[in-house]
Each structure stands twice: as structure tokens, then as C-alpha cells.
N, C-alpha and C. Protein backbone atom coordinates (compact mmCIF):
# COMPACT_ATOMS: atom_id res chain seq x y z
N MET A 1 -18.54 12.57 -41.57
CA MET A 1 -18.55 13.75 -40.75
C MET A 1 -17.16 14.37 -40.79
N PRO A 2 -17.04 15.64 -41.11
CA PRO A 2 -15.73 16.28 -41.19
C PRO A 2 -15.06 16.36 -39.81
N THR A 3 -13.76 16.25 -39.84
CA THR A 3 -12.97 16.36 -38.62
C THR A 3 -12.65 17.82 -38.39
N SER A 4 -12.80 18.27 -37.15
CA SER A 4 -12.44 19.65 -36.87
C SER A 4 -10.92 19.77 -36.81
N THR A 5 -10.42 20.94 -37.11
CA THR A 5 -8.98 21.17 -37.12
C THR A 5 -8.66 22.43 -36.33
N SER A 6 -7.41 22.54 -35.99
CA SER A 6 -6.91 23.72 -35.30
C SER A 6 -5.60 24.12 -35.93
N THR A 7 -5.18 25.32 -35.66
CA THR A 7 -3.93 25.82 -36.18
C THR A 7 -2.90 25.86 -35.07
N VAL A 8 -1.69 25.42 -35.39
CA VAL A 8 -0.59 25.45 -34.43
C VAL A 8 0.56 26.18 -35.10
N ARG A 9 1.18 27.09 -34.37
CA ARG A 9 2.33 27.80 -34.91
C ARG A 9 3.60 26.98 -34.69
N LEU A 10 4.37 26.86 -35.75
CA LEU A 10 5.65 26.15 -35.69
C LEU A 10 6.75 27.08 -36.16
N SER A 11 7.93 26.90 -35.63
CA SER A 11 9.07 27.65 -36.16
C SER A 11 9.32 27.19 -37.60
N ALA A 12 9.98 28.00 -38.36
CA ALA A 12 10.29 27.64 -39.75
C ALA A 12 11.13 26.36 -39.80
N ARG A 13 12.05 26.22 -38.86
CA ARG A 13 12.90 25.04 -38.82
C ARG A 13 12.06 23.79 -38.55
N THR A 14 11.15 23.86 -37.59
CA THR A 14 10.31 22.70 -37.26
C THR A 14 9.38 22.37 -38.42
N PHE A 15 8.81 23.38 -39.05
CA PHE A 15 7.93 23.15 -40.19
C PHE A 15 8.69 22.47 -41.32
N ALA A 16 9.93 22.90 -41.56
CA ALA A 16 10.74 22.29 -42.62
C ALA A 16 11.03 20.82 -42.29
N ARG A 17 11.31 20.54 -41.04
CA ARG A 17 11.54 19.15 -40.62
C ARG A 17 10.28 18.32 -40.83
N LEU A 18 9.15 18.87 -40.44
CA LEU A 18 7.88 18.17 -40.62
C LEU A 18 7.61 17.90 -42.10
N ARG A 19 7.83 18.90 -42.92
CA ARG A 19 7.60 18.72 -44.36
C ARG A 19 8.51 17.64 -44.93
N ARG A 20 9.80 17.64 -44.54
CA ARG A 20 10.74 16.62 -45.03
C ARG A 20 10.30 15.23 -44.61
N LEU A 21 9.87 15.09 -43.36
CA LEU A 21 9.42 13.77 -42.89
C LEU A 21 8.18 13.31 -43.64
N ALA A 22 7.26 14.23 -43.86
CA ALA A 22 6.03 13.88 -44.58
C ALA A 22 6.34 13.48 -46.02
N GLU A 23 7.20 14.24 -46.67
CA GLU A 23 7.54 13.93 -48.06
C GLU A 23 8.28 12.59 -48.15
N ALA A 24 9.19 12.35 -47.20
CA ALA A 24 9.96 11.10 -47.22
C ALA A 24 9.08 9.89 -46.98
N SER A 25 8.04 10.07 -46.18
CA SER A 25 7.17 8.94 -45.86
C SER A 25 5.98 8.83 -46.79
N GLY A 26 5.71 9.89 -47.56
CA GLY A 26 4.57 9.88 -48.46
C GLY A 26 3.24 10.02 -47.73
N ARG A 27 3.29 10.55 -46.51
CA ARG A 27 2.07 10.73 -45.72
C ARG A 27 1.84 12.22 -45.48
N PRO A 28 0.60 12.59 -45.22
CA PRO A 28 0.31 14.00 -44.93
C PRO A 28 1.02 14.45 -43.65
N MET A 29 1.32 15.73 -43.58
CA MET A 29 1.98 16.28 -42.39
C MET A 29 1.15 16.03 -41.14
N SER A 30 -0.17 16.12 -41.26
CA SER A 30 -1.03 15.89 -40.08
C SER A 30 -0.86 14.47 -39.55
N THR A 31 -0.70 13.51 -40.43
CA THR A 31 -0.49 12.13 -40.01
C THR A 31 0.85 11.97 -39.31
N VAL A 32 1.88 12.62 -39.83
CA VAL A 32 3.20 12.57 -39.22
C VAL A 32 3.14 13.15 -37.81
N VAL A 33 2.44 14.27 -37.65
CA VAL A 33 2.30 14.89 -36.33
C VAL A 33 1.54 13.95 -35.39
N GLU A 34 0.46 13.38 -35.85
CA GLU A 34 -0.34 12.47 -35.01
C GLU A 34 0.50 11.28 -34.56
N GLU A 35 1.26 10.68 -35.48
CA GLU A 35 2.09 9.53 -35.13
C GLU A 35 3.20 9.94 -34.16
N ALA A 36 3.76 11.11 -34.36
CA ALA A 36 4.81 11.59 -33.46
C ALA A 36 4.25 11.81 -32.06
N LEU A 37 3.06 12.36 -31.96
CA LEU A 37 2.44 12.57 -30.65
C LEU A 37 2.12 11.25 -29.97
N GLU A 38 1.64 10.29 -30.74
CA GLU A 38 1.36 8.98 -30.16
C GLU A 38 2.64 8.36 -29.60
N GLY A 39 3.72 8.46 -30.36
CA GLY A 39 5.01 7.94 -29.90
C GLY A 39 5.49 8.67 -28.66
N TYR A 40 5.30 9.97 -28.63
CA TYR A 40 5.71 10.77 -27.48
C TYR A 40 4.91 10.37 -26.23
N GLU A 41 3.62 10.15 -26.41
CA GLU A 41 2.78 9.73 -25.28
C GLU A 41 3.24 8.39 -24.71
N VAL A 42 3.58 7.46 -25.59
CA VAL A 42 4.06 6.15 -25.15
C VAL A 42 5.39 6.32 -24.40
N ASP A 43 6.30 7.11 -24.96
CA ASP A 43 7.58 7.36 -24.30
C ASP A 43 7.37 7.98 -22.93
N ARG A 44 6.48 8.97 -22.84
CA ARG A 44 6.21 9.65 -21.56
C ARG A 44 5.64 8.67 -20.54
N PHE A 45 4.73 7.81 -20.99
CA PHE A 45 4.13 6.82 -20.10
C PHE A 45 5.21 5.97 -19.46
N PHE A 46 6.12 5.43 -20.28
CA PHE A 46 7.13 4.53 -19.75
C PHE A 46 8.19 5.27 -18.93
N LEU A 47 8.50 6.51 -19.28
CA LEU A 47 9.41 7.30 -18.45
C LEU A 47 8.79 7.56 -17.08
N ASP A 48 7.50 7.90 -17.06
CA ASP A 48 6.80 8.13 -15.80
C ASP A 48 6.70 6.85 -14.98
N LEU A 49 6.42 5.74 -15.66
CA LEU A 49 6.35 4.44 -14.98
C LEU A 49 7.69 4.09 -14.36
N ASP A 50 8.76 4.29 -15.10
CA ASP A 50 10.10 4.02 -14.60
C ASP A 50 10.40 4.89 -13.37
N ALA A 51 10.04 6.16 -13.43
CA ALA A 51 10.27 7.06 -12.30
C ALA A 51 9.49 6.59 -11.07
N ALA A 52 8.27 6.14 -11.29
CA ALA A 52 7.45 5.67 -10.17
C ALA A 52 8.06 4.42 -9.54
N TYR A 53 8.57 3.50 -10.36
CA TYR A 53 9.20 2.31 -9.81
C TYR A 53 10.51 2.65 -9.09
N ARG A 54 11.25 3.60 -9.61
CA ARG A 54 12.48 4.03 -8.93
C ARG A 54 12.14 4.59 -7.56
N GLU A 55 11.09 5.40 -7.50
CA GLU A 55 10.66 5.97 -6.22
C GLU A 55 10.21 4.86 -5.27
N LEU A 56 9.45 3.91 -5.80
CA LEU A 56 8.98 2.80 -4.97
C LEU A 56 10.16 2.00 -4.42
N ARG A 57 11.13 1.73 -5.26
CA ARG A 57 12.31 0.96 -4.82
C ARG A 57 13.14 1.75 -3.81
N GLY A 58 12.98 3.06 -3.77
CA GLY A 58 13.69 3.89 -2.82
C GLY A 58 13.15 3.76 -1.40
N SER A 59 12.00 3.15 -1.26
CA SER A 59 11.40 2.93 0.05
C SER A 59 11.40 1.44 0.34
N PRO A 60 12.34 0.97 1.15
CA PRO A 60 12.45 -0.48 1.39
C PRO A 60 11.14 -1.11 1.87
N ARG A 61 10.43 -0.44 2.76
CA ARG A 61 9.17 -0.99 3.27
C ARG A 61 8.15 -1.15 2.16
N GLU A 62 7.96 -0.11 1.37
CA GLU A 62 6.97 -0.17 0.28
C GLU A 62 7.40 -1.16 -0.80
N TRP A 63 8.71 -1.26 -1.06
CA TRP A 63 9.18 -2.22 -2.06
C TRP A 63 8.92 -3.65 -1.60
N ARG A 64 9.14 -3.92 -0.30
CA ARG A 64 8.84 -5.26 0.23
C ARG A 64 7.35 -5.57 0.08
N GLN A 65 6.49 -4.59 0.32
CA GLN A 65 5.05 -4.79 0.16
C GLN A 65 4.72 -5.11 -1.30
N GLU A 66 5.36 -4.39 -2.21
CA GLU A 66 5.15 -4.64 -3.65
C GLU A 66 5.56 -6.07 -4.00
N GLN A 67 6.72 -6.49 -3.52
CA GLN A 67 7.22 -7.83 -3.80
C GLN A 67 6.30 -8.90 -3.19
N ALA A 68 5.80 -8.65 -2.00
CA ALA A 68 4.88 -9.59 -1.35
C ALA A 68 3.58 -9.71 -2.16
N GLU A 69 3.10 -8.59 -2.66
CA GLU A 69 1.88 -8.62 -3.46
C GLU A 69 2.10 -9.39 -4.76
N ARG A 70 3.25 -9.19 -5.38
CA ARG A 70 3.56 -9.94 -6.60
C ARG A 70 3.61 -11.43 -6.32
N ALA A 71 4.26 -11.80 -5.22
CA ALA A 71 4.36 -13.22 -4.87
C ALA A 71 2.98 -13.83 -4.64
N LEU A 72 2.11 -13.07 -4.02
CA LEU A 72 0.75 -13.54 -3.79
C LEU A 72 0.02 -13.74 -5.12
N LEU A 73 0.18 -12.82 -6.04
CA LEU A 73 -0.49 -12.93 -7.34
C LEU A 73 0.05 -14.09 -8.16
N GLU A 74 1.32 -14.42 -7.98
CA GLU A 74 1.91 -15.53 -8.72
C GLU A 74 1.32 -16.87 -8.30
N GLN A 75 0.66 -16.92 -7.16
CA GLN A 75 0.07 -18.16 -6.66
C GLN A 75 -1.38 -18.34 -7.10
N THR A 76 -1.94 -17.36 -7.78
CA THR A 76 -3.34 -17.47 -8.18
C THR A 76 -3.51 -18.48 -9.30
N LEU A 77 -4.74 -18.93 -9.46
CA LEU A 77 -5.04 -19.88 -10.53
C LEU A 77 -4.92 -19.22 -11.88
N ARG A 78 -4.61 -20.00 -12.87
CA ARG A 78 -4.49 -19.48 -14.23
C ARG A 78 -5.82 -19.45 -14.95
N ASP A 79 -6.87 -19.83 -14.31
CA ASP A 79 -8.22 -19.78 -14.88
C ASP A 79 -8.31 -20.49 -16.23
N GLY A 80 -7.72 -21.68 -16.30
CA GLY A 80 -7.84 -22.49 -17.50
C GLY A 80 -6.83 -22.20 -18.58
N LEU A 81 -5.92 -21.26 -18.35
CA LEU A 81 -4.90 -20.99 -19.35
C LEU A 81 -3.90 -22.13 -19.36
N GLU A 82 -3.51 -22.52 -20.53
CA GLU A 82 -2.60 -23.65 -20.65
C GLU A 82 -1.16 -23.19 -20.51
N ASP A 83 -0.33 -24.08 -19.96
CA ASP A 83 1.10 -23.77 -19.87
C ASP A 83 1.69 -23.71 -21.27
N GLU A 84 2.59 -22.78 -21.41
CA GLU A 84 3.22 -22.64 -22.73
C GLU A 84 4.65 -23.06 -22.67
């Protein structure tokens, strides 16, 4: 089944960068874009996660609750997992 495509406008400078990366890696430009977006999504996820934890740590009451919950979870059974 064919994959649908869309057109995106890029500046000449960005297109040249994309072409150089694709040529250097031997992969199609579309693959380079897809991999770059995947990497960007992962980076954004962890930046957002870090910001959320910073905010949580900024509230002493909520941070204590988080720590208490972690301590409680550390006491649960390992469900047959062996010590490593």
C-alpha cells in the first residue's frame, strides 16, 4: 500500500543541510527528516519531564508525597524477579 506524502516548504539553507546529511548518510532525505523528528520528540519528552520534576520539587509538600509514594513502591514484592 503506498504511503501518502505531503509537501513542506524549507528555506534554501535548511534544504541544503538536509541534502548534505542525506548524502553523507546514504539515506533518503525523508528518512533523515523522520529520524530527526523522532530524536526531537524524545528530547522534548525528557525536557518536559525534567520541567515537571523541577516544578514538583518546588513544592515541598508535593515532593514529600512523591518520596513517600516511591518508598511505598520500593517495598512491593518483586513478583518472582530474581536479584541481580
